[in-house]
Amino acid sequence: MQIQTINKLKELTDNRKQLFTEYLTITQKLTDLKEEDVEQITAGMEQRAALAGQIDDLGIQSRKVCRADGREEHLTEILQCRADFSLLSEEEKELFSLCQSVNRILLEIQDQEVLVHRNFEDIRNKLQESIHRNNTGAKFAGYLNHMNYGASKGVLYDSKK
């Protein structure tokens, strides 16, 4: 039973690693996009949300496997890389090492998230500048309407007389 449990946890962890790798790739692409790439930004964010859901599902499955085995605390320590490596069996050491590789990917994702956040702030600032520049035309149109250059304003003034 123990080896089957470890093998199942390895399989689930390997699947999580693949999904995290894909998540990292999408995140890295988001760091280079510009304000004109709105569709790609939206698609990337949606893809990441879908991957996060799949990753969460795999985490739930892993917790169920740990509970079903009866060694939930010990297995959870391995999955979280908190177990004493020297006391683990060979199969458990392989699972522990796999979990460490997942953690390395998670650290890289965290680093990339900072860059994505900065990129999105830059995009927001550029769009706000563009909106501000384009608002001057709208202010001028409002001024023309206020000065009775608009057809509707003229009708209203004539009807009041």
C-alpha atoms as a PDB file:
ATOM      1  CA  MET A   1       0.000   0.000   0.000  1.00  0.00           C
ATOM      2  CA  GLN A   2       2.791   2.433   0.892  1.00  0.00           C
ATOM      3  CA  ILE A   3       4.591   2.126  -2.448  1.00  0.00           C
ATOM      4  CA  GLN A   4       1.302   2.505  -4.324  1.00  0.00           C
ATOM      5  CA  THR A   5       0.545   5.641  -2.321  1.00  0.00           C
ATOM      6  CA  ILE A   6       3.992   7.109  -3.005  1.00  0.00           C
ATOM      7  CA  ASN A   7       3.677   6.290  -6.710  1.00  0.00           C
ATOM      8  CA  LYS A   8       0.254   7.949  -6.874  1.00  0.00           C
ATOM      9  CA  LEU A   9       1.636  11.039  -5.108  1.00  0.00           C
ATOM     10  CA  LYS A  10       4.585  11.106  -7.539  1.00  0.00           C
ATOM     11  CA  GLU A  11       2.169  10.994 -10.467  1.00  0.00           C
ATOM     12  CA  LEU A  12       0.028  13.811  -9.043  1.00  0.00           C
ATOM     13  CA  THR A  13       3.103  15.884  -8.188  1.00  0.00           C
ATOM     14  CA  ASP A  14       4.583  15.363 -11.652  1.00  0.00           C
ATOM     15  CA  ASN A  15       1.282  16.529 -13.188  1.00  0.00           C
ATOM     16  CA  ARG A  16       1.375  19.613 -10.937  1.00  0.00           C
ATOM     17  CA  LYS A  17       4.962  20.266 -12.053  1.00  0.00           C
ATOM     18  CA  GLN A  18       3.923  20.170 -15.708  1.00  0.00           C
ATOM     19  CA  LEU A  19       1.029  22.565 -15.065  1.00  0.00           C
ATOM     20  CA  PHE A  20       3.262  24.927 -13.067  1.00  0.00           C
ATOM     21  CA  THR A  21       5.797  24.867 -15.913  1.00  0.00           C
ATOM     22  CA  GLU A  22       3.080  25.861 -18.362  1.00  0.00           C
ATOM     23  CA  TYR A  23       1.883  28.550 -15.924  1.00  0.00           C
ATOM     24  CA  LEU A  24       5.454  29.885 -15.728  1.00  0.00           C
ATOM     25  CA  THR A  25       5.753  30.013 -19.526  1.00  0.00           C
ATOM     26  CA  ILE A  26       2.540  32.029 -19.825  1.00  0.00           C
ATOM     27  CA  THR A  27       3.642  34.324 -16.993  1.00  0.00           C
ATOM     28  CA  GLN A  28       6.974  34.980 -18.716  1.00  0.00           C
ATOM     29  CA  LYS A  29       5.134  35.949 -21.916  1.00  0.00           C
ATOM     30  CA  LEU A  30       2.997  38.423 -19.956  1.00  0.00           C
ATOM     31  CA  THR A  31       6.111  40.309 -18.854  1.00  0.00           C
ATOM     32  CA  ASP A  32       6.891  41.332 -22.457  1.00  0.00           C
ATOM     33  CA  LEU A  33       3.443  42.376 -23.710  1.00  0.00           C
ATOM     34  CA  LYS A  34       2.558  45.982 -24.531  1.00  0.00           C
ATOM     35  CA  GLU A  35      -0.645  48.012 -24.304  1.00  0.00           C
ATOM     36  CA  GLU A  36      -1.655  47.064 -27.855  1.00  0.00           C
ATOM     37  CA  ASP A  37      -1.577  43.364 -26.866  1.00  0.00           C
ATOM     38  CA  VAL A  38      -4.797  43.495 -24.858  1.00  0.00           C
ATOM     39  CA  GLU A  39      -6.199  40.297 -26.394  1.00  0.00           C
ATOM     40  CA  GLN A  40      -3.026  38.374 -25.566  1.00  0.00           C
ATOM     41  CA  ILE A  41      -3.021  39.730 -22.005  1.00  0.00           C
ATOM     42  CA  THR A  42      -6.629  38.673 -21.513  1.00  0.00           C
ATOM     43  CA  ALA A  43      -6.004  35.230 -23.027  1.00  0.00           C
ATOM     44  CA  GLY A  44      -2.912  34.728 -20.853  1.00  0.00           C
ATOM     45  CA  MET A  45      -4.764  35.671 -17.690  1.00  0.00           C
ATOM     46  CA  GLU A  46      -7.604  33.291 -18.573  1.00  0.00           C
ATOM     47  CA  GLN A  47      -5.150  30.471 -19.309  1.00  0.00           C
ATOM     48  CA  ARG A  48      -3.412  31.032 -15.982  1.00  0.00           C
ATOM     49  CA  ALA A  49      -6.740  30.957 -14.130  1.00  0.00           C
ATOM     50  CA  ALA A  50      -7.654  27.664 -15.810  1.00  0.00           C
ATOM     51  CA  LEU A  51      -4.263  26.172 -14.929  1.00  0.00           C
ATOM     52  CA  ALA A  52      -4.595  27.348 -11.324  1.00  0.00           C
ATOM     53  CA  GLY A  53      -7.902  25.502 -11.080  1.00  0.00           C
ATOM     54  CA  GLN A  54      -6.332  22.307 -12.407  1.00  0.00           C
ATOM     55  CA  ILE A  55      -3.400  22.679  -9.998  1.00  0.00           C
ATOM     56  CA  ASP A  56      -5.812  23.137  -7.080  1.00  0.00           C
ATOM     57  CA  ASP A  57      -7.674  19.977  -8.115  1.00  0.00           C
ATOM     58  CA  LEU A  58      -4.423  18.008  -8.106  1.00  0.00           C
ATOM     59  CA  GLY A  59      -3.640  19.361  -4.633  1.00  0.00           C
ATOM     60  CA  ILE A  60      -7.031  18.181  -3.390  1.00  0.00           C
ATOM     61  CA  GLN A  61      -6.414  14.750  -4.887  1.00  0.00           C
ATOM     62  CA  SER A  62      -3.000  14.581  -3.190  1.00  0.00           C
ATOM     63  CA  ARG A  63      -4.522  15.411   0.204  1.00  0.00           C
ATOM     64  CA  LYS A  64      -7.148  12.678  -0.290  1.00  0.00           C
ATOM     65  CA  VAL A  65      -4.432  10.130  -1.100  1.00  0.00           C
ATOM     66  CA  CYS A  66      -2.530  11.151   2.046  1.00  0.00           C
ATOM     67  CA  ARG A  67      -5.649  10.808   4.220  1.00  0.00           C
ATOM     68  CA  ALA A  68      -6.561   7.438   2.720  1.00  0.00           C
ATOM     69  CA  ASP A  69      -3.092   6.022   3.436  1.00  0.00           C
ATOM     70  CA  GLY A  70      -3.276   6.710   7.165  1.00  0.00           C
ATOM     71  CA  ARG A  71       0.095   8.499   7.256  1.00  0.00           C
ATOM     72  CA  GLU A  72      -1.297  11.917   6.394  1.00  0.00           C
ATOM     73  CA  GLU A  73       1.069  13.943   8.572  1.00  0.00           C
ATOM     74  CA  HIS A  74       4.202  12.144   7.358  1.00  0.00           C
ATOM     75  CA  LEU A  75       3.199  12.311   3.681  1.00  0.00           C
ATOM     76  CA  THR A  76       2.187  15.964   3.979  1.00  0.00           C
ATOM     77  CA  GLU A  77       5.616  16.762   5.424  1.00  0.00           C
ATOM     78  CA  ILE A  78       7.212  15.111   2.403  1.00  0.00           C
ATOM     79  CA  LEU A  79       4.968  16.991  -0.032  1.00  0.00           C
ATOM     80  CA  GLN A  80       5.815  20.272   1.695  1.00  0.00           C
ATOM     81  CA  CYS A  81       9.558  19.414   1.821  1.00  0.00           C
ATOM     82  CA  ARG A  82       9.622  19.592   5.617  1.00  0.00           C
ATOM     83  CA  ALA A  83      10.479  15.951   6.295  1.00  0.00           C
ATOM     84  CA  ASP A  84      13.914  14.818   7.437  1.00  0.00           C
ATOM     85  CA  PHE A  85      15.413  13.580   4.172  1.00  0.00           C
ATOM     86  CA  SER A  86      17.819  11.148   5.882  1.00  0.00           C
ATOM     87  CA  LEU A  87      14.902   9.242   7.475  1.00  0.00           C
ATOM     88  CA  LEU A  88      12.973   8.708   4.235  1.00  0.00           C
ATOM     89  CA  SER A  89      12.793   5.535   2.170  1.00  0.00           C
ATOM     90  CA  GLU A  90      14.156   5.593  -1.393  1.00  0.00           C
ATOM     91  CA  GLU A  91      10.644   6.061  -2.859  1.00  0.00           C
ATOM     92  CA  GLU A  92       9.908   8.860  -0.398  1.00  0.00           C
ATOM     93  CA  LYS A  93      13.227  10.538  -1.255  1.00  0.00           C
ATOM     94  CA  GLU A  94      12.250  10.526  -4.942  1.00  0.00           C
ATOM     95  CA  LEU A  95       8.903  12.154  -4.064  1.00  0.00           C
ATOM     96  CA  PHE A  96      10.683  14.690  -1.841  1.00  0.00           C
ATOM     97  CA  SER A  97      13.088  15.606  -4.668  1.00  0.00           C
ATOM     98  CA  LEU A  98      10.215  15.961  -7.107  1.00  0.00           C
ATOM     99  CA  CYS A  99       8.447  18.279  -4.674  1.00  0.00           C
ATOM    100  CA  GLN A 100      11.626  20.370  -4.388  1.00  0.00           C
ATOM    101  CA  SER A 101      11.690  20.783  -8.168  1.00  0.00           C
ATOM    102  CA  VAL A 102       8.079  21.994  -8.032  1.00  0.00           C
ATOM    103  CA  ASN A 103       9.067  24.487  -5.339  1.00  0.00           C
ATOM    104  CA  ARG A 104      11.860  25.834  -7.559  1.00  0.00           C
ATOM    105  CA  ILE A 105       9.318  26.484 -10.304  1.00  0.00           C
ATOM    106  CA  LEU A 106       7.058  28.206  -7.772  1.00  0.00           C
ATOM    107  CA  LEU A 107       9.905  30.510  -6.753  1.00  0.00           C
ATOM    108  CA  GLU A 108      10.533  31.391 -10.374  1.00  0.00           C
ATOM    109  CA  ILE A 109       6.819  32.110 -10.847  1.00  0.00           C
ATOM    110  CA  GLN A 110       6.920  34.450  -7.847  1.00  0.00           C
ATOM    111  CA  ASP A 111       9.873  36.311  -9.355  1.00  0.00           C
ATOM    112  CA  GLN A 112       8.062  36.611 -12.689  1.00  0.00           C
ATOM    113  CA  GLU A 113       4.883  37.839 -10.979  1.00  0.00           C
ATOM    114  CA  VAL A 114       6.778  40.924  -9.819  1.00  0.00           C
ATOM    115  CA  LEU A 115       7.794  41.622 -13.419  1.00  0.00           C
ATOM    116  CA  VAL A 116       4.233  41.041 -14.675  1.00  0.00           C
ATOM    117  CA  HIS A 117       2.907  43.458 -12.078  1.00  0.00           C
ATOM    118  CA  ARG A 118       5.438  46.116 -13.126  1.00  0.00           C
ATOM    119  CA  ASN A 119       4.607  45.566 -16.797  1.00  0.00           C
ATOM    120  CA  PHE A 120       0.876  45.929 -16.120  1.00  0.00           C
ATOM    121  CA  GLU A 121       1.519  49.135 -14.166  1.00  0.00           C
ATOM    122  CA  ASP A 122       3.515  50.512 -17.111  1.00  0.00           C
ATOM    123  CA  ILE A 123       0.716  49.572 -19.505  1.00  0.00           C
ATOM    124  CA  ARG A 124      -1.858  51.232 -17.233  1.00  0.00           C
ATOM    125  CA  ASN A 125       0.227  54.417 -17.012  1.00  0.00           C
ATOM    126  CA  LYS A 126       0.663  54.567 -20.791  1.00  0.00           C
ATOM    127  CA  LEU A 127      -3.055  54.072 -21.341  1.00  0.00           C
ATOM    128  CA  GLN A 128      -3.888  56.775 -18.792  1.00  0.00           C
ATOM    129  CA  GLU A 129      -1.524  59.176 -20.560  1.00  0.00           C
ATOM    130  CA  SER A 130      -3.169  58.356 -23.874  1.00  0.00           C
ATOM    131  CA  ILE A 131      -6.622  58.925 -22.419  1.00  0.00           C
ATOM    132  CA  HIS A 132      -5.496  62.238 -20.943  1.00  0.00           C
ATOM    133  CA  ARG A 133      -4.062  63.360 -24.290  1.00  0.00           C
ATOM    134  CA  ASN A 134      -7.245  62.376 -26.103  1.00  0.00           C
ATOM    135  CA  ASN A 135      -9.487  64.109 -23.572  1.00  0.00           C
ATOM    136  CA  THR A 136      -8.337  67.512 -24.782  1.00  0.00           C
ATOM    137  CA  GLY A 137     -10.338  66.972 -27.972  1.00  0.00           C
ATOM    138  CA  ALA A 138     -13.434  66.148 -25.942  1.00  0.00           C
ATOM    139  CA  LYS A 139     -12.932  69.282 -23.834  1.00  0.00           C
ATOM    140  CA  PHE A 140     -12.726  71.368 -26.983  1.00  0.00           C
ATOM    141  CA  ALA A 141     -15.953  69.813 -28.313  1.00  0.00           C
ATOM    142  CA  GLY A 142     -17.625  70.608 -24.984  1.00  0.00           C
ATOM    143  CA  TYR A 143     -16.390  74.185 -25.253  1.00  0.00           C
ATOM    144  CA  LEU A 144     -17.863  74.515 -28.756  1.00  0.00           C
ATOM    145  CA  ASN A 145     -21.206  73.200 -27.525  1.00  0.00           C
ATOM    146  CA  HIS A 146     -21.113  75.548 -24.557  1.00  0.00           C
ATOM    147  CA  MET A 147     -20.426  78.511 -26.853  1.00  0.00           C
ATOM    148  CA  ASN A 148     -23.575  77.755 -28.877  1.00  0.00           C
ATOM    149  CA  TYR A 149     -21.799  76.181 -31.854  1.00  0.00           C
ATOM    150  CA  GLY A 150     -23.796  72.952 -31.504  1.00  0.00           C
ATOM    151  CA  ALA A 151     -27.135  72.534 -33.278  1.00  0.00           C
ATOM    152  CA  SER A 152     -28.961  71.295 -30.174  1.00  0.00           C
ATOM    153  CA  LYS A 153     -27.776  74.230 -28.067  1.00  0.00           C
ATOM    154  CA  GLY A 154     -29.041  76.708 -30.619  1.00  0.00           C
ATOM    155  CA  VAL A 155     -32.488  75.141 -30.642  1.00  0.00           C
ATOM    156  CA  LEU A 156     -32.708  75.280 -26.867  1.00  0.00           C
ATOM    157  CA  TYR A 157     -31.682  78.933 -26.742  1.00  0.00           C
ATOM    158  CA  ASP A 158     -34.169  79.844 -29.446  1.00  0.00           C
ATOM    159  CA  SER A 159     -37.016  78.066 -27.687  1.00  0.00           C
ATOM    160  CA  LYS A 160     -36.400  79.969 -24.441  1.00  0.00           C
ATOM    161  CA  LYS A 161     -36.706  83.371 -26.164  1.00  0.00           C
END
